[in-house]
Amino acid sequence: MLDHLVDLILFRYTNQGKDDNTNPTPYITMGSIVWGGLVRIGIIMVVTWAVVEYFELRDYWMIPLLLIVAFVIYPASRQYYHFTNRIEVMQEETLCGSCKHFDPTSQLCRVYDEHVSTTYIPCEGDSWEPLTYEDNP
């Protein structure tokens, strides 16, 4: 469990090649990106608060903002870019990608409430309905 938390904080799943479309349960989701960002912001704020109080560096308020951009916003945006590219590939490779019940933001089948992968289709194609123009966001 601690390894999983460290991987989320450091956004290591894409760097190690662990996150691809063959896993039945995806490692990287929108929730994990947001959670990793919130944990990083919390760590940066606690460390910054301790350093500012100890060394009395109240005039250097721009440093925490730069740390947040460098260690939270940029890695989260790279992770989101990887996530959206992976979802686009899944939509092209699987039957679920053209189904109206597929939710690309959570990589989930809305009917069966299960994650979709290239190796696992929850309905086996029985509940597939084509995505129409009105359903397309």
Protein backbone atom coordinates (compact mmCIF):
# COMPACT_ATOMS: atom_id res chain seq x y z
CA MET A 1 0.00 0.00 0.00
CA LEU A 2 2.84 2.38 0.77
CA ASP A 3 4.41 1.63 -2.63
CA HIS A 4 1.10 2.46 -4.33
CA LEU A 5 0.91 5.79 -2.47
CA VAL A 6 4.50 6.67 -3.39
CA ASP A 7 3.79 5.80 -7.04
CA LEU A 8 0.75 8.09 -7.00
CA ILE A 9 2.66 10.95 -5.40
CA LEU A 10 5.54 10.68 -7.85
CA PHE A 11 3.35 9.86 -10.88
CA ARG A 12 5.59 6.89 -11.68
CA TYR A 13 3.13 4.58 -13.45
CA THR A 14 3.72 6.01 -16.90
CA ASN A 15 7.48 6.19 -16.44
CA GLN A 16 7.68 2.51 -15.51
CA GLY A 17 5.30 1.38 -18.25
CA LYS A 18 2.82 -0.04 -15.72
CA ASP A 19 -0.17 1.85 -17.07
CA ASP A 20 -1.50 0.59 -20.37
CA ASN A 21 -4.87 -0.44 -21.75
CA THR A 22 -4.45 -4.15 -20.93
CA ASN A 23 -4.93 -3.78 -17.17
CA PRO A 24 -8.47 -4.62 -16.03
CA THR A 25 -8.27 -1.86 -13.42
CA PRO A 26 -6.45 1.25 -14.67
CA TYR A 27 -3.69 2.73 -12.55
CA ILE A 28 -4.05 6.27 -13.87
CA THR A 29 -7.50 7.83 -13.72
CA MET A 30 -8.69 11.39 -13.26
CA GLY A 31 -9.07 10.65 -9.57
CA SER A 32 -5.49 9.48 -9.19
CA ILE A 33 -4.20 12.56 -11.01
CA VAL A 34 -6.19 14.89 -8.73
CA TRP A 35 -5.29 12.87 -5.61
CA GLY A 36 -1.58 12.93 -6.47
CA GLY A 37 -1.75 16.69 -7.04
CA LEU A 38 -3.52 17.31 -3.73
CA VAL A 39 -1.03 15.19 -1.80
CA ARG A 40 1.88 17.00 -3.44
CA ILE A 41 0.37 20.41 -2.66
CA GLY A 42 -0.12 19.32 0.95
CA ILE A 43 3.50 18.19 1.25
CA ILE A 44 4.81 21.38 -0.36
CA MET A 45 2.67 23.58 1.88
CA VAL A 46 3.74 21.83 5.09
CA VAL A 47 7.44 21.88 4.17
CA THR A 48 7.25 25.50 2.98
CA TRP A 49 5.44 26.59 6.12
CA ALA A 50 8.09 24.92 8.31
CA VAL A 51 10.99 26.44 6.36
CA VAL A 52 9.46 29.92 6.27
CA GLU A 53 8.77 29.87 10.01
CA TYR A 54 12.18 28.48 10.93
CA PHE A 55 14.27 30.77 8.70
CA GLU A 56 11.83 33.74 8.76
CA LEU A 57 11.65 33.98 4.97
CA ARG A 58 8.33 35.80 4.70
CA ASP A 59 9.56 38.03 1.87
CA TYR A 60 10.06 35.06 -0.47
CA TRP A 61 6.41 34.15 -1.06
CA MET A 62 7.04 33.45 -4.76
CA ILE A 63 9.12 30.32 -4.04
CA PRO A 64 6.13 28.17 -2.91
CA LEU A 65 4.23 29.20 -6.03
CA LEU A 66 7.12 28.15 -8.25
CA LEU A 67 7.39 24.86 -6.35
CA ILE A 68 3.68 24.21 -6.90
CA VAL A 69 4.02 24.89 -10.61
CA ALA A 70 7.16 22.75 -10.93
CA PHE A 71 6.12 19.82 -8.75
CA VAL A 72 2.31 19.76 -8.99
CA ILE A 73 0.87 21.47 -12.04
CA TYR A 74 3.44 20.40 -14.63
CA PRO A 75 3.55 16.68 -13.64
CA ALA A 76 -0.25 16.55 -13.37
CA SER A 77 -0.65 18.09 -16.82
CA ARG A 78 1.80 15.56 -18.29
CA GLN A 79 -0.11 12.77 -16.57
CA TYR A 80 -3.42 14.09 -17.94
CA TYR A 81 -1.92 14.23 -21.44
CA HIS A 82 -0.85 10.58 -21.12
CA PHE A 83 -4.29 9.64 -19.76
CA THR A 84 -6.18 11.29 -22.64
CA ASN A 85 -3.89 9.71 -25.24
CA ARG A 86 -4.42 6.29 -23.69
CA ILE A 87 -8.20 6.76 -23.71
CA GLU A 88 -8.13 7.83 -27.37
CA VAL A 89 -6.22 4.67 -28.26
CA MET A 90 -8.69 2.57 -26.27
CA GLN A 91 -11.63 4.16 -28.05
CA GLU A 92 -10.11 3.21 -31.40
CA GLU A 93 -9.09 -0.33 -30.40
CA THR A 94 -12.14 -1.59 -28.50
CA LEU A 95 -15.82 -2.07 -29.18
CA CYS A 96 -16.58 -0.06 -26.05
CA GLY A 97 -15.01 3.05 -27.54
CA SER A 98 -17.90 3.37 -30.00
CA CYS A 99 -20.61 2.52 -27.45
CA LYS A 100 -22.90 5.15 -25.96
CA HIS A 101 -22.46 3.62 -22.49
CA PHE A 102 -18.67 4.14 -22.39
CA ASP A 103 -17.53 7.02 -20.17
CA PRO A 104 -14.08 8.12 -21.36
CA THR A 105 -13.37 10.34 -18.35
CA SER A 106 -13.43 7.37 -15.99
CA GLN A 107 -12.70 4.56 -18.47
CA LEU A 108 -15.92 2.94 -17.29
CA CYS A 109 -18.96 1.17 -18.73
CA ARG A 110 -21.97 3.02 -17.31
CA VAL A 111 -24.31 0.02 -17.61
CA TYR A 112 -22.17 -2.50 -15.74
CA ASP A 113 -20.16 0.01 -13.68
CA GLU A 114 -16.90 -1.76 -14.51
CA HIS A 115 -13.63 -0.57 -15.98
CA VAL A 116 -12.98 -1.36 -19.61
CA SER A 117 -9.67 -2.55 -21.05
CA THR A 118 -8.51 -4.00 -24.34
CA THR A 119 -8.57 -7.46 -22.78
CA TYR A 120 -11.88 -7.11 -20.88
CA ILE A 121 -15.25 -5.89 -22.17
CA PRO A 122 -17.86 -6.02 -19.37
CA CYS A 123 -20.90 -6.84 -21.52
CA GLU A 124 -19.07 -9.05 -24.05
CA GLY A 125 -20.80 -6.92 -26.71
CA ASP A 126 -24.36 -7.82 -25.66
CA SER A 127 -25.31 -4.34 -24.40
CA TRP A 128 -23.42 -2.42 -27.08
CA GLU A 129 -25.29 0.52 -28.58
CA PRO A 130 -23.75 2.80 -31.22
CA LEU A 131 -22.67 6.26 -30.24
CA THR A 132 -24.94 8.74 -32.00
CA TYR A 133 -24.35 12.35 -32.92
CA GLU A 134 -26.49 13.56 -29.99
CA ASP A 135 -24.51 11.43 -27.50
CA ASN A 136 -21.14 12.79 -28.66
CA PRO A 137 -20.01 15.67 -26.38
